[in-house]
Amino acid sequence: MKGFKNFLMQGQLIVIAVGLVVALAFSTLIKAFTDSIITPLVNAAEPGNSTTGLGWTVHGQVVQVGVFISAIVYFIIFMMVVYFALVVPYRRYMQRAGVSVFTPPAPAPPVKTCPQCLSADLPVAATKCRYCASDLEVTAAS
């Protein structure tokens, strides 16, 4: 069980799982938008059956704004549950383990440019260019 727990608590696995859950919730939101707003507007060219609910009628088709609003509410509630049920406990677990979950990337080390070949990825302390072997001025690192 300990190995399975370690597998589940890997950082990338949790990030991927949360991303998948967000994508699924977002797909529900998009499906509701297309089913309740876009499809009736497209079908408005032909007479058809209309339904009741919060919305308006365009050429016999009901644009169901209420269904879309409830999908937005569902999305917000679902994301709150994902955050408080998965992300917050995961952050606490990783903090107890001594691993920083959301660390910004380290700043790039200072570099200088070769005046001869214009290579811009030379260390500040370099005295010769690694590409053209020309002599470089030594500059103080700041």
Protein backbone atom coordinates (compact mmCIF):
# COMPACT_ATOMS: atom_id res chain seq x y z
CA MET A 1 0.00 0.00 0.00
CA LYS A 2 2.89 2.39 0.69
CA GLY A 3 4.17 2.08 -2.89
CA PHE A 4 0.67 2.71 -4.26
CA LYS A 5 0.32 5.77 -2.01
CA ASN A 6 3.68 7.11 -3.24
CA PHE A 7 2.58 6.54 -6.85
CA LEU A 8 -0.68 8.44 -6.29
CA MET A 9 1.00 11.35 -4.52
CA GLN A 10 3.52 12.08 -7.26
CA GLY A 11 3.33 15.74 -8.20
CA GLN A 12 2.79 15.28 -11.91
CA LEU A 13 0.07 12.66 -11.43
CA ILE A 14 -1.97 14.99 -9.21
CA VAL A 15 -1.54 17.89 -11.64
CA ILE A 16 -2.65 15.72 -14.55
CA ALA A 17 -5.66 14.41 -12.59
CA VAL A 18 -6.78 17.92 -11.64
CA GLY A 19 -6.33 19.03 -15.25
CA LEU A 20 -8.47 16.13 -16.44
CA VAL A 21 -11.20 16.95 -13.95
CA VAL A 22 -11.15 20.60 -15.00
CA ALA A 23 -11.36 19.58 -18.65
CA LEU A 24 -14.34 17.32 -17.97
CA ALA A 25 -16.16 20.04 -16.06
CA PHE A 26 -15.39 22.56 -18.77
CA SER A 27 -16.67 20.16 -21.43
CA THR A 28 -19.97 19.99 -19.54
CA LEU A 29 -20.14 23.77 -19.63
CA ILE A 30 -19.46 23.86 -23.36
CA LYS A 31 -21.97 21.09 -24.05
CA ALA A 32 -24.66 22.99 -22.16
CA PHE A 33 -23.82 26.15 -24.10
CA THR A 34 -24.08 24.42 -27.45
CA ASP A 35 -27.17 22.36 -26.54
CA SER A 36 -29.13 25.22 -25.03
CA ILE A 37 -28.05 28.30 -27.00
CA ILE A 38 -26.27 27.47 -30.25
CA THR A 39 -28.41 24.50 -31.36
CA PRO A 40 -31.76 26.30 -30.93
CA LEU A 41 -30.45 29.30 -32.85
CA VAL A 42 -29.35 27.03 -35.68
CA ASN A 43 -32.66 25.13 -35.58
CA ALA A 44 -34.62 28.40 -35.61
CA ALA A 45 -34.53 28.35 -39.40
CA GLU A 46 -37.06 25.47 -39.34
CA PRO A 47 -40.21 25.35 -37.28
CA GLY A 48 -39.96 22.79 -34.48
CA ASN A 49 -41.01 21.96 -30.96
CA SER A 50 -40.26 24.44 -28.25
CA THR A 51 -39.66 23.74 -24.59
CA THR A 52 -40.34 25.77 -21.49
CA GLY A 53 -37.80 27.32 -19.16
CA LEU A 54 -35.77 30.47 -18.62
CA GLY A 55 -35.01 31.83 -22.07
CA TRP A 56 -36.67 33.32 -25.10
CA THR A 57 -38.25 32.04 -28.28
CA VAL A 58 -36.75 32.65 -31.73
CA HIS A 59 -38.84 31.31 -34.62
CA GLY A 60 -40.39 28.63 -32.45
CA GLN A 61 -37.10 27.58 -30.81
CA VAL A 62 -36.46 28.31 -27.14
CA VAL A 63 -32.99 29.58 -26.29
CA GLN A 64 -32.58 28.02 -22.84
CA VAL A 65 -30.48 30.47 -20.89
CA GLY A 66 -31.48 28.79 -17.62
CA VAL A 67 -29.78 25.53 -18.60
CA PHE A 68 -26.60 27.41 -19.44
CA ILE A 69 -26.70 29.35 -16.15
CA SER A 70 -27.13 26.12 -14.21
CA ALA A 71 -24.13 24.66 -16.08
CA ILE A 72 -22.06 27.68 -15.01
CA VAL A 73 -23.16 27.19 -11.40
CA TYR A 74 -22.34 23.48 -11.70
CA PHE A 75 -18.88 24.32 -13.04
CA ILE A 76 -18.13 26.76 -10.20
CA ILE A 77 -19.34 24.35 -7.51
CA PHE A 78 -17.47 21.47 -9.08
CA MET A 79 -14.23 23.45 -9.24
CA MET A 80 -14.61 24.48 -5.59
CA VAL A 81 -15.02 20.81 -4.63
CA VAL A 82 -11.94 19.85 -6.66
CA TYR A 83 -9.94 22.64 -5.05
CA PHE A 84 -10.95 21.90 -1.46
CA ALA A 85 -11.03 18.09 -1.80
CA LEU A 86 -7.87 17.58 -3.90
CA VAL A 87 -5.63 20.62 -4.19
CA VAL A 88 -5.67 21.86 -0.59
CA PRO A 89 -5.00 18.42 0.99
CA TYR A 90 -2.30 17.75 -1.62
CA ARG A 91 -0.55 21.05 -0.82
CA ARG A 92 -0.65 20.24 2.92
CA TYR A 93 0.71 16.75 2.31
CA MET A 94 3.55 18.05 0.17
CA GLN A 95 4.39 20.79 2.71
CA ARG A 96 4.61 18.15 5.45
CA ALA A 97 6.86 16.11 3.19
CA GLY A 98 9.09 19.18 2.78
CA VAL A 99 8.48 19.60 -0.94
CA SER A 100 7.43 22.97 -2.28
CA VAL A 101 4.48 22.40 -4.62
CA PHE A 102 4.32 25.65 -6.56
CA THR A 103 7.81 27.07 -6.75
CA PRO A 104 8.66 29.61 -9.40
CA PRO A 105 11.47 28.63 -11.78
CA ALA A 106 14.97 29.64 -10.76
CA PRO A 107 16.28 32.75 -12.47
CA ALA A 108 18.67 32.13 -15.33
CA PRO A 109 22.33 32.58 -14.48
CA PRO A 110 23.89 35.81 -15.75
CA VAL A 111 25.48 35.53 -19.19
CA LYS A 112 27.49 37.71 -21.53
CA THR A 113 27.85 38.01 -25.32
CA CYS A 114 30.97 37.36 -27.35
CA PRO A 115 31.91 40.50 -29.31
CA GLN A 116 33.34 38.43 -32.21
CA CYS A 117 30.71 35.74 -32.94
CA LEU A 118 27.83 37.34 -30.95
CA SER A 119 27.07 34.13 -28.99
CA ALA A 120 24.91 35.23 -26.10
CA ASP A 121 25.06 32.23 -23.77
CA LEU A 122 28.54 32.54 -22.28
CA PRO A 123 29.01 32.52 -18.50
CA VAL A 124 29.97 35.86 -16.98
CA ALA A 125 33.27 34.46 -15.65
CA ALA A 126 34.36 33.07 -19.05
CA THR A 127 37.68 34.34 -20.40
CA LYS A 128 37.45 32.61 -23.83
CA CYS A 129 34.48 32.13 -26.11
CA ARG A 130 33.52 28.45 -26.37
CA TYR A 131 32.50 28.90 -30.01
CA CYS A 132 35.17 31.06 -31.67
CA ALA A 133 37.92 30.89 -28.97
CA SER A 134 38.36 34.67 -28.89
CA ASP A 135 39.50 36.30 -25.66
CA LEU A 136 36.76 37.90 -23.54
CA GLU A 137 36.90 40.60 -20.94
CA VAL A 138 36.27 39.36 -17.43
CA THR A 139 33.29 41.15 -15.95
CA ALA A 140 32.27 41.17 -12.33
CA ALA A 141 29.13 39.18 -11.54
CA SER A 142 26.44 41.38 -10.10
